[in-house]
C-alpha atoms as a PDB file:
ATOM      1  CA  MET A   1      11.145  17.121  26.167  1.00  0.00           C
ATOM      2  CA  THR A   2      10.576  17.737  29.852  1.00  0.00           C
ATOM      3  CA  SER A   3      11.705  15.108  32.338  1.00  0.00           C
ATOM      4  CA  GLU A   4       9.230  14.113  35.022  1.00  0.00           C
ATOM      5  CA  ARG A   5       8.718  11.147  37.300  1.00  0.00           C
ATOM      6  CA  ARG A   6       6.203   8.620  36.010  1.00  0.00           C
ATOM      7  CA  VAL A   7       4.930   5.242  37.129  1.00  0.00           C
ATOM      8  CA  LEU A   8       4.961   2.843  34.186  1.00  0.00           C
ATOM      9  CA  ILE A   9       3.756  -0.723  33.828  1.00  0.00           C
ATOM     10  CA  ALA A  10       5.954  -2.251  31.137  1.00  0.00           C
ATOM     11  CA  PRO A  11       6.651  -5.744  29.721  1.00  0.00           C
ATOM     12  CA  LYS A  12       9.487  -7.635  31.396  1.00  0.00           C
ATOM     13  CA  HIS A  13      11.750  -7.443  28.334  1.00  0.00           C
ATOM     14  CA  PHE A  14      11.698  -3.624  28.476  1.00  0.00           C
ATOM     15  CA  SER A  15      14.404  -2.194  30.737  1.00  0.00           C
ATOM     16  CA  ASP A  16      13.294   0.932  32.595  1.00  0.00           C
ATOM     17  CA  LYS A  17      16.891   2.221  32.542  1.00  0.00           C
ATOM     18  CA  LYS A  18      17.007   2.197  28.741  1.00  0.00           C
ATOM     19  CA  LEU A  19      13.592   3.649  27.953  1.00  0.00           C
ATOM     20  CA  LYS A  20      13.350   6.977  26.146  1.00  0.00           C
ATOM     21  CA  ARG A  21      10.077   8.836  25.743  1.00  0.00           C
ATOM     22  CA  LEU A  22       9.348   9.810  22.130  1.00  0.00           C
ATOM     23  CA  GLN A  23       6.669  11.912  20.434  1.00  0.00           C
ATOM     24  CA  LEU A  24       5.986  10.303  17.044  1.00  0.00           C
ATOM     25  CA  PRO A  25       3.095  10.634  14.561  1.00  0.00           C
ATOM     26  CA  HIS A  26       0.475   7.961  15.077  1.00  0.00           C
ATOM     27  CA  PRO A  27       0.555   5.614  12.046  1.00  0.00           C
ATOM     28  CA  ARG A  28      -3.177   5.984  11.376  1.00  0.00           C
ATOM     29  CA  SER A  29      -4.128   9.525  12.453  1.00  0.00           C
ATOM     30  CA  ASN A  30      -0.732  11.250  11.951  1.00  0.00           C
ATOM     31  CA  GLU A  31      -1.237  13.079  15.247  1.00  0.00           C
ATOM     32  CA  LEU A  32       1.656  13.180  17.703  1.00  0.00           C
ATOM     33  CA  TYR A  33       1.469  10.282  20.125  1.00  0.00           C
ATOM     34  CA  SER A  34       3.579   9.144  23.075  1.00  0.00           C
ATOM     35  CA  TYR A  35       5.853   6.118  22.772  1.00  0.00           C
ATOM     36  CA  TYR A  36       8.717   4.684  24.774  1.00  0.00           C
ATOM     37  CA  ALA A  37      11.712   3.272  22.936  1.00  0.00           C
ATOM     38  CA  ASP A  38      14.434   0.944  24.115  1.00  0.00           C
ATOM     39  CA  ILE A  39      17.119   2.432  21.881  1.00  0.00           C
ATOM     40  CA  GLN A  40      19.739  -0.180  22.729  1.00  0.00           C
ATOM     41  CA  ASP A  41      17.551  -3.234  22.031  1.00  0.00           C
ATOM     42  CA  GLU A  42      15.604  -1.341  19.318  1.00  0.00           C
ATOM     43  CA  LYS A  43      12.109  -1.971  20.688  1.00  0.00           C
ATOM     44  CA  LEU A  44       9.100   0.330  20.743  1.00  0.00           C
ATOM     45  CA  ALA A  45       6.045   0.491  22.992  1.00  0.00           C
ATOM     46  CA  GLU A  46       2.970   2.678  22.809  1.00  0.00           C
ATOM     47  CA  VAL A  47       1.450   4.412  25.808  1.00  0.00           C
ATOM     48  CA  VAL A  48      -1.990   3.407  27.059  1.00  0.00           C
ATOM     49  CA  LYS A  49      -3.102   5.807  29.778  1.00  0.00           C
ATOM     50  CA  ILE A  50      -5.994   5.400  32.209  1.00  0.00           C
ATOM     51  CA  ASN A  51      -6.658   8.917  33.448  1.00  0.00           C
ATOM     52  CA  MET A  52      -6.930   9.083  37.244  1.00  0.00           C
ATOM     53  CA  LYS A  53      -5.832  12.694  37.687  1.00  0.00           C
ATOM     54  CA  ASP A  54      -7.366  14.382  40.758  1.00  0.00           C
ATOM     55  CA  LYS A  55      -8.697  10.985  41.865  1.00  0.00           C
ATOM     56  CA  ARG A  56      -5.628   9.215  43.195  1.00  0.00           C
ATOM     57  CA  SER A  57      -1.855   9.623  43.657  1.00  0.00           C
ATOM     58  CA  TRP A  58       1.280   7.501  43.600  1.00  0.00           C
ATOM     59  CA  ALA A  59       3.544   7.372  46.653  1.00  0.00           C
ATOM     60  CA  GLY A  60       6.994   5.866  47.105  1.00  0.00           C
ATOM     61  CA  SER A  61       9.488   5.717  49.943  1.00  0.00           C
ATOM     62  CA  ASP A  62      10.637   9.300  49.415  1.00  0.00           C
ATOM     63  CA  TRP A  63       8.411  10.662  46.651  1.00  0.00           C
ATOM     64  CA  VAL A  64       4.785  11.439  45.804  1.00  0.00           C
ATOM     65  CA  ILE A  65       3.212  11.926  42.360  1.00  0.00           C
ATOM     66  CA  GLY A  66      -0.010  13.904  42.413  1.00  0.00           C
ATOM     67  CA  ASP A  67      -1.279  12.484  39.119  1.00  0.00           C
ATOM     68  CA  GLY A  68      -2.228   8.889  39.903  1.00  0.00           C
ATOM     69  CA  SER A  69      -2.985   7.959  36.308  1.00  0.00           C
ATOM     70  CA  LEU A  70      -2.102   4.414  35.271  1.00  0.00           C
ATOM     71  CA  ILE A  71       0.329   4.304  32.338  1.00  0.00           C
ATOM     72  CA  MET A  72       0.843   0.964  30.600  1.00  0.00           C
ATOM     73  CA  LEU A  73       3.308   0.218  27.823  1.00  0.00           C
ATOM     74  CA  THR A  74       2.297  -2.258  25.138  1.00  0.00           C
ATOM     75  CA  PRO A  75       4.748  -3.409  22.445  1.00  0.00           C
ATOM     76  CA  ILE A  76       4.145  -2.207  18.894  1.00  0.00           C
ATOM     77  CA  ASP A  77       5.891  -3.208  15.684  1.00  0.00           C
ATOM     78  CA  PRO A  78       7.979  -0.120  14.737  1.00  0.00           C
ATOM     79  CA  LEU A  79       7.459  -0.960  11.069  1.00  0.00           C
ATOM     80  CA  PHE A  80       3.940   0.481  11.370  1.00  0.00           C
ATOM     81  CA  ILE A  81       5.561   3.850  12.107  1.00  0.00           C
ATOM     82  CA  TYR A  82       7.937   3.478   9.172  1.00  0.00           C
ATOM     83  CA  LEU A  83       5.091   2.499   6.841  1.00  0.00           C
ATOM     84  CA  SER A  84       3.165   5.639   7.750  1.00  0.00           C
ATOM     85  CA  LEU A  85       6.194   7.940   7.432  1.00  0.00           C
ATOM     86  CA  ILE A  86       7.410   6.589   4.093  1.00  0.00           C
ATOM     87  CA  THR A  87       3.884   6.449   2.666  1.00  0.00           C
ATOM     88  CA  LYS A  88       3.352  10.113   3.550  1.00  0.00           C
ATOM     89  CA  MET A  89       6.560  11.132   1.809  1.00  0.00           C
ATOM     90  CA  SER A  90       6.567   8.693  -1.094  1.00  0.00           C
ATOM     91  CA  LEU A  91       2.924   8.662  -2.281  1.00  0.00           C
ATOM     92  CA  THR A  92       2.095  11.349  -4.858  1.00  0.00           C
ATOM     93  CA  ASN A  93      -1.281  12.935  -5.577  1.00  0.00           C
ATOM     94  CA  ASP A  94      -1.562  10.626  -8.607  1.00  0.00           C
ATOM     95  CA  ASN A  95      -1.201   7.584  -6.344  1.00  0.00           C
ATOM     96  CA  GLU A  96       2.274   6.911  -7.721  1.00  0.00           C
ATOM     97  CA  TRP A  97       5.342   6.156  -5.631  1.00  0.00           C
ATOM     98  CA  ARG A  98       8.420   8.389  -5.817  1.00  0.00           C
ATOM     99  CA  PHE A  99      11.885   7.888  -4.357  1.00  0.00           C
ATOM    100  CA  VAL A 100      12.720   9.945  -1.266  1.00  0.00           C
ATOM    101  CA  ASP A 101      15.784  10.493   0.885  1.00  0.00           C
ATOM    102  CA  ILE A 102      15.371   7.985   3.684  1.00  0.00           C
ATOM    103  CA  GLU A 103      17.392  10.103   6.097  1.00  0.00           C
ATOM    104  CA  ALA A 104      14.957  13.012   5.662  1.00  0.00           C
ATOM    105  CA  ILE A 105      11.891  10.984   6.660  1.00  0.00           C
ATOM    106  CA  GLY A 106       9.504  13.044   8.710  1.00  0.00           C
ATOM    107  CA  LEU A 107      11.399  16.306   8.696  1.00  0.00           C
ATOM    108  CA  GLU A 108       9.603  17.608   5.600  1.00  0.00           C
ATOM    109  CA  THR A 109       6.383  15.736   6.208  1.00  0.00           C
ATOM    110  CA  TYR A 110       5.183  16.960   9.591  1.00  0.00           C
ATOM    111  CA  GLU A 111       5.863  20.549  10.568  1.00  0.00           C
ATOM    112  CA  ASN A 112       4.966  19.826  14.205  1.00  0.00           C
ATOM    113  CA  MET A 113       7.121  16.719  14.494  1.00  0.00           C
ATOM    114  CA  ASP A 114       9.450  16.461  17.484  1.00  0.00           C
ATOM    115  CA  ALA A 115      12.841  16.568  15.731  1.00  0.00           C
ATOM    116  CA  GLU A 116      14.678  14.953  18.642  1.00  0.00           C
ATOM    117  CA  SER A 117      12.179  12.083  18.793  1.00  0.00           C
ATOM    118  CA  ILE A 118      12.426  11.320  15.071  1.00  0.00           C
ATOM    119  CA  ARG A 119      16.219  11.511  15.242  1.00  0.00           C
ATOM    120  CA  MET A 120      16.289   8.943  18.055  1.00  0.00           C
ATOM    121  CA  PHE A 121      13.786   6.747  16.243  1.00  0.00           C
ATOM    122  CA  LEU A 122      15.848   6.764  13.035  1.00  0.00           C
ATOM    123  CA  SER A 123      19.039   6.088  15.039  1.00  0.00           C
ATOM    124  CA  MET A 124      17.942   2.464  15.557  1.00  0.00           C
ATOM    125  CA  LYS A 125      19.903   1.225  12.540  1.00  0.00           C
ATOM    126  CA  LYS A 126      18.902  -2.443  12.511  1.00  0.00           C
ATOM    127  CA  LEU A 127      15.266  -1.435  12.689  1.00  0.00           C
ATOM    128  CA  LYS A 128      15.699   1.009   9.808  1.00  0.00           C
ATOM    129  CA  GLU A 129      17.328  -1.643   7.633  1.00  0.00           C
ATOM    130  CA  LYS A 130      14.532  -4.069   8.437  1.00  0.00           C
ATOM    131  CA  ALA A 131      11.938  -1.492   7.377  1.00  0.00           C
ATOM    132  CA  LEU A 132      13.730  -0.810   4.086  1.00  0.00           C
ATOM    133  CA  VAL A 133      14.079  -4.502   3.255  1.00  0.00           C
ATOM    134  CA  THR A 134      10.484  -5.324   4.249  1.00  0.00           C
ATOM    135  CA  LEU A 135       8.605  -2.337   2.799  1.00  0.00           C
ATOM    136  CA  CYS A 136      10.735  -0.546   0.227  1.00  0.00           C
ATOM    137  CA  LYS A 137      12.650  -0.549  -2.988  1.00  0.00           C
ATOM    138  CA  VAL A 138      16.024   1.097  -2.349  1.00  0.00           C
ATOM    139  CA  LYS A 139      18.501   2.783  -4.692  1.00  0.00           C
ATOM    140  CA  GLN A 140      22.069   3.636  -3.700  1.00  0.00           C
ATOM    141  CA  ILE A 141      22.862   7.022  -5.281  1.00  0.00           C
ATOM    142  CA  THR A 142      26.311   7.553  -3.778  1.00  0.00           C
ATOM    143  CA  GLU A 143      28.283   5.922  -1.011  1.00  0.00           C
ATOM    144  CA  ASP A 144      26.535   8.115   1.547  1.00  0.00           C
ATOM    145  CA  VAL A 145      23.183   8.785  -0.137  1.00  0.00           C
ATOM    146  CA  ARG A 146      20.393   6.343  -0.893  1.00  0.00           C
ATOM    147  CA  VAL A 147      16.754   6.809  -1.715  1.00  0.00           C
ATOM    148  CA  ALA A 148      13.744   4.596  -1.153  1.00  0.00           C
ATOM    149  CA  ARG A 149      10.109   4.298  -2.087  1.00  0.00           C
ATOM    150  CA  ILE A 150       7.301   1.995  -1.028  1.00  0.00           C
ATOM    151  CA  ASP A 151       7.261  -1.367  -2.771  1.00  0.00           C
ATOM    152  CA  ARG A 152       3.573  -2.251  -2.915  1.00  0.00           C
ATOM    153  CA  ALA A 153       4.106  -5.988  -3.390  1.00  0.00           C
ATOM    154  CA  LYS A 154       6.440  -6.199  -0.396  1.00  0.00           C
ATOM    155  CA  THR A 155       4.142  -4.108   1.773  1.00  0.00           C
ATOM    156  CA  ILE A 156       1.030  -6.124   0.918  1.00  0.00           C
ATOM    157  CA  ALA A 157       2.920  -9.357   1.619  1.00  0.00           C
ATOM    158  CA  TRP A 158       3.973  -8.016   5.020  1.00  0.00           C
ATOM    159  CA  LEU A 159       0.437  -6.868   5.859  1.00  0.00           C
ATOM    160  CA  ARG A 160      -1.008 -10.223   4.808  1.00  0.00           C
ATOM    161  CA  ARG A 161       1.331 -11.952   7.251  1.00  0.00           C
ATOM    162  CA  LYS A 162       0.124  -9.585   9.956  1.00  0.00           C
ATOM    163  CA  CYS A 163      -3.472 -10.590   9.150  1.00  0.00           C
ATOM    164  CA  ASP A 164      -2.927 -14.314   9.551  1.00  0.00           C
ATOM    165  CA  GLY A 165      -6.147 -15.550  11.132  1.00  0.00           C
ATOM    166  CA  ASN A 166      -4.248 -18.083  13.244  1.00  0.00           C
ATOM    167  CA  ARG A 167      -2.868 -15.144  15.230  1.00  0.00           C
ATOM    168  CA  LEU A 168      -6.339 -13.995  16.268  1.00  0.00           C
ATOM    169  CA  PRO A 169      -6.551 -13.697  20.087  1.00  0.00           C
ATOM    170  CA  ARG A 170      -8.897 -16.131  21.815  1.00  0.00           C
ATOM    171  CA  SER A 171     -11.011 -13.279  23.143  1.00  0.00           C
ATOM    172  CA  PHE A 172     -12.109 -12.554  19.549  1.00  0.00           C
ATOM    173  CA  ASN A 173     -13.234 -16.089  18.755  1.00  0.00           C
ATOM    174  CA  PHE A 174     -16.854 -15.316  19.710  1.00  0.00           C
ATOM    175  CA  GLY A 175     -17.381 -13.932  16.196  1.00  0.00           C
ATOM    176  CA  VAL A 176     -15.970 -17.071  14.585  1.00  0.00           C
ATOM    177  CA  ASN A 177     -18.035 -19.772  16.279  1.00  0.00           C
ATOM    178  CA  ASN A 178     -21.177 -18.950  14.308  1.00  0.00           C
ATOM    179  CA  THR A 179     -19.437 -19.930  11.060  1.00  0.00           C
ATOM    180  CA  ALA A 180     -17.752 -23.069  12.386  1.00  0.00           C
ATOM    181  CA  ASP A 181     -19.480 -25.337   9.862  1.00  0.00           C
ATOM    182  CA  ASP A 182     -17.931 -23.568   6.859  1.00  0.00           C
ATOM    183  CA  VAL A 183     -14.116 -23.675   6.729  1.00  0.00           C
ATOM    184  CA  GLU A 184     -13.872 -20.847   4.197  1.00  0.00           C
ATOM    185  CA  LEU A 185     -16.146 -18.589   6.245  1.00  0.00           C
ATOM    186  CA  VAL A 186     -14.139 -19.340   9.392  1.00  0.00           C
ATOM    187  CA  GLU A 187     -10.924 -18.350   7.602  1.00  0.00           C
ATOM    188  CA  GLN A 188     -12.476 -15.161   6.199  1.00  0.00           C
ATOM    189  CA  THR A 189     -13.910 -14.220   9.598  1.00  0.00           C
ATOM    190  CA  ARG A 190     -10.568 -14.662  11.343  1.00  0.00           C
ATOM    191  CA  THR A 191      -8.728 -12.704   8.662  1.00  0.00           C
ATOM    192  CA  ARG A 192     -11.216  -9.828   8.734  1.00  0.00           C
ATOM    193  CA  GLU A 193     -11.011  -9.622  12.531  1.00  0.00           C
ATOM    194  CA  MET A 194      -7.220  -9.404  12.281  1.00  0.00           C
ATOM    195  CA  ILE A 195      -7.494  -6.633   9.668  1.00  0.00           C
ATOM    196  CA  LEU A 196      -9.801  -4.688  11.979  1.00  0.00           C
ATOM    197  CA  LEU A 197      -7.267  -5.117  14.777  1.00  0.00           C
ATOM    198  CA  ILE A 198      -4.318  -3.757  12.807  1.00  0.00           C
ATOM    199  CA  SER A 199      -6.444  -1.041  11.184  1.00  0.00           C
ATOM    200  CA  GLU A 200      -5.589   1.111  14.217  1.00  0.00           C
ATOM    201  CA  TYR A 201      -1.957   1.058  13.114  1.00  0.00           C
ATOM    202  CA  ILE A 202      -2.029   1.571   9.357  1.00  0.00           C
ATOM    203  CA  PRO A 203      -2.921   4.606   7.210  1.00  0.00           C
ATOM    204  CA  PRO A 204      -6.424   4.608   5.625  1.00  0.00           C
ATOM    205  CA  TYR A 205      -4.798   4.125   2.198  1.00  0.00           C
ATOM    206  CA  TRP A 206      -3.391   0.745   3.214  1.00  0.00           C
ATOM    207  CA  MET A 207      -6.620  -0.276   4.935  1.00  0.00           C
ATOM    208  CA  GLU A 208      -8.423   0.131   1.593  1.00  0.00           C
ATOM    209  CA  GLN A 209      -5.682  -1.736  -0.253  1.00  0.00           C
ATOM    210  CA  LEU A 210      -5.781  -4.587   2.230  1.00  0.00           C
ATOM    211  CA  MET A 211      -9.561  -5.011   2.085  1.00  0.00           C
ATOM    212  CA  ALA A 212      -9.408  -5.013  -1.715  1.00  0.00           C
ATOM    213  CA  GLU A 213      -6.623  -7.593  -1.610  1.00  0.00           C
ATOM    214  CA  PHE A 214      -8.979 -10.011   0.147  1.00  0.00           C
ATOM    215  CA  GLY A 215     -11.823  -9.268  -2.249  1.00  0.00           C
ATOM    216  CA  GLY A 216     -13.856  -7.356   0.296  1.00  0.00           C
ATOM    217  CA  PHE A 217     -14.865 -10.661   1.947  1.00  0.00           C
ATOM    218  CA  ALA A 218     -17.826 -11.042  -0.431  1.00  0.00           C
ATOM    219  CA  LYS A 219     -18.834 -14.522   0.758  1.00  0.00           C
ATOM    220  CA  LEU A 220     -18.689 -13.469   4.397  1.00  0.00           C
ATOM    221  CA  GLN A 221     -20.802 -10.378   3.759  1.00  0.00           C
ATOM    222  CA  GLU A 222     -23.360 -12.464   1.846  1.00  0.00           C
ATOM    223  CA  SER A 223     -23.564 -14.935   4.743  1.00  0.00           C
ATOM    224  CA  GLU A 224     -24.035 -12.130   7.280  1.00  0.00           C
ATOM    225  CA  GLN A 225     -26.750 -10.488   5.166  1.00  0.00           C
ATOM    226  CA  MET A 226     -28.658 -13.796   4.912  1.00  0.00           C
ATOM    227  CA  ALA A 227     -28.356 -14.350   8.668  1.00  0.00           C
ATOM    228  CA  ALA A 228     -29.615 -10.828   9.384  1.00  0.00           C
ATOM    229  CA  LYS A 229     -32.558 -11.395   7.032  1.00  0.00           C
ATOM    230  CA  ARG A 230     -33.509 -14.654   8.780  1.00  0.00           C
ATOM    231  CA  VAL A 231     -33.437 -12.970  12.189  1.00  0.00           C
ATOM    232  CA  LYS A 232     -35.546 -10.077  10.909  1.00  0.00           C
ATOM    233  CA  GLU A 233     -38.217 -12.403   9.467  1.00  0.00           C
ATOM    234  CA  THR A 234     -38.426 -14.644  12.536  1.00  0.00           C
ATOM    235  CA  VAL A 235     -40.941 -13.922  15.294  1.00  0.00           C
ATOM    236  CA  PHE A 236     -39.975 -15.398  18.651  1.00  0.00           C
ATOM    237  CA  ASP A 237     -42.168 -16.478  21.526  1.00  0.00           C
ATOM    238  CA  SER A 238     -42.400 -14.440  24.688  1.00  0.00           C
ATOM    239  CA  PRO A 239     -39.398 -14.828  27.013  1.00  0.00           C
ATOM    240  CA  ASP A 240     -41.839 -15.983  29.683  1.00  0.00           C
ATOM    241  CA  THR A 241     -42.571 -19.231  27.825  1.00  0.00           C
ATOM    242  CA  TYR A 242     -40.525 -22.417  27.823  1.00  0.00           C
ATOM    243  CA  THR A 243     -40.110 -22.426  24.046  1.00  0.00           C
ATOM    244  CA  GLN A 244     -37.660 -19.570  23.589  1.00  0.00           C
ATOM    245  CA  GLY A 245     -36.109 -19.456  20.150  1.00  0.00           C
ATOM    246  CA  VAL A 246     -38.985 -21.328  18.477  1.00  0.00           C
ATOM    247  CA  ALA A 247     -40.796 -19.366  15.805  1.00  0.00           C
ATOM    248  CA  ALA A 248     -44.329 -18.505  16.863  1.00  0.00           C
ATOM    249  CA  PRO A 249     -47.204 -18.459  14.356  1.00  0.00           C
ATOM    250  CA  GLN A 250     -48.181 -14.995  13.204  1.00  0.00           C
ATOM    251  CA  LEU A 251     -51.866 -14.074  13.759  1.00  0.00           C
ATOM    252  CA  THR A 252     -53.671 -12.877  10.648  1.00  0.00           C
ATOM    253  CA  GLU A 253     -56.813 -11.692  12.467  1.00  0.00           C
ATOM    254  CA  LYS A 254     -57.174  -9.776  15.694  1.00  0.00           C
ATOM    255  CA  PRO A 255     -58.372 -12.221  18.373  1.00  0.00           C
ATOM    256  CA  VAL A 256     -61.885 -11.607  19.757  1.00  0.00           C
ATOM    257  CA  LYS A 257     -61.872 -10.953  23.469  1.00  0.00           C
ATOM    258  CA  GLN A 258     -64.334 -13.275  25.222  1.00  0.00           C
ATOM    259  CA  GLU A 259     -66.514 -11.651  27.857  1.00  0.00           C
ATOM    260  CA  LYS A 260     -66.634 -13.129  31.344  1.00  0.00           C
ATOM    261  CA  PRO A 261     -70.050 -14.700  32.184  1.00  0.00           C
ATOM    262  CA  LYS A 262     -72.198 -12.520  34.466  1.00  0.00           C
ATOM    263  CA  THR A 263     -73.083 -13.683  37.936  1.00  0.00           C
ATOM    264  CA  ALA A 264     -76.719 -13.972  39.167  1.00  0.00           C
ATOM    265  CA  LYS A 265     -76.291 -10.874  41.329  1.00  0.00           C
ATOM    266  CA  GLU A 266     -74.973  -8.854  38.361  1.00  0.00           C
ATOM    267  CA  LYS A 267     -77.940  -9.983  36.226  1.00  0.00           C
ATOM    268  CA  GLN A 268     -80.400  -8.972  39.002  1.00  0.00           C
ATOM    269  CA  LEU A 269     -78.890  -5.515  39.342  1.00  0.00           C
ATOM    270  CA  GLU A 270     -78.954  -5.047  35.579  1.00  0.00           C
ATOM    271  CA  LYS A 271     -82.662  -6.022  35.461  1.00  0.00           C
ATOM    272  CA  ALA A 272     -83.536  -3.654  38.312  1.00  0.00           C
ATOM    273  CA  ALA A 273     -81.734  -0.804  36.590  1.00  0.00           C
ATOM    274  CA  LYS A 274     -83.844  -1.220  33.470  1.00  0.00           C
ATOM    275  CA  LYS A 275     -87.117  -0.963  35.480  1.00  0.00           C
ATOM    276  CA  SER A 276     -86.113   2.101  37.508  1.00  0.00           C
ATOM    277  CA  LYS A 277     -87.336   5.520  36.447  1.00  0.00           C
ATOM    278  CA  PRO A 278     -84.995   8.355  35.603  1.00  0.00           C
ATOM    279  CA  ILE A 279     -84.448  10.959  38.343  1.00  0.00           C
ATOM    280  CA  THR A 280     -86.219  13.656  36.278  1.00  0.00           C
ATOM    281  CA  ASN A 281     -89.559  11.954  36.838  1.00  0.00           C
ATOM    282  CA  PHE A 282     -89.480  12.979  40.508  1.00  0.00           C
ATOM    283  CA  PHE A 283     -89.641  16.690  39.633  1.00  0.00           C
ATOM    284  CA  LYS A 284     -92.710  18.420  38.258  1.00  0.00           C
ATOM    285  CA  LYS A 285     -92.419  20.760  35.363  1.00  0.00           C
ATOM    286  CA  LYS A 286     -93.046  24.405  36.178  1.00  0.00           C
ATOM    287  CA  THR A 287     -96.036  25.997  34.464  1.00  0.00           C
ATOM    288  CA  ALA A 288     -95.859  29.490  33.050  1.00  0.00           C
END
């Protein structure tokens, strides 16, 4: 990987002296994506870039960076990366799980993977052990060789904890207030919002499994369909009135437009017009 000066905005607990830039497959799309890892403290952050190239620059005391793009680092649970990697290797075409060599993760799965990045990622030993304990069933073949496969029950349990509705950010509560009178609907709404949030970090296979695990939120969908039907069938008053939001009666017949009464002058002109002769009467017909 090439080394170049960058301006990063990172959380306080990330040390800029320990950060290593990695190119790892995105857990949902599998495309290579930029991350920064604190190898010593075993933390991972994804890159969020606001492109300002050719619009602004960064300048320091003795340096200038032509590309003024804003690069922010946001923490990400590294287990999302492990889940994607092990799923790709361990899931067969028959939707069965097979044991794989944990040390070979990624090398046979993605031809375009950055080998140095995956090596550094796997070198975080405590993180690797956490992933195996949380997501996998492990078999020790020899003293130096062990294999692992996804344990569905463990993985679903971990994902369910991630989808705890109590962890929903306040900024997403606008979708919950409408169901505040029904405790079950509030819980389902919060959980579904959390699933949609983490859907950016899990493979499509696990998104389907997770939605099925919660029963597809049947009651919530039924409530939303009924609400949409009520809105569709309701006719509201004009915004110019003082009764906004109150259903207005629907007219069954087209209203008859009442004509404005004629003034005396208009009646006199109309009467005179009836008595006047057409202009053709002023011309005599030519005889042959």
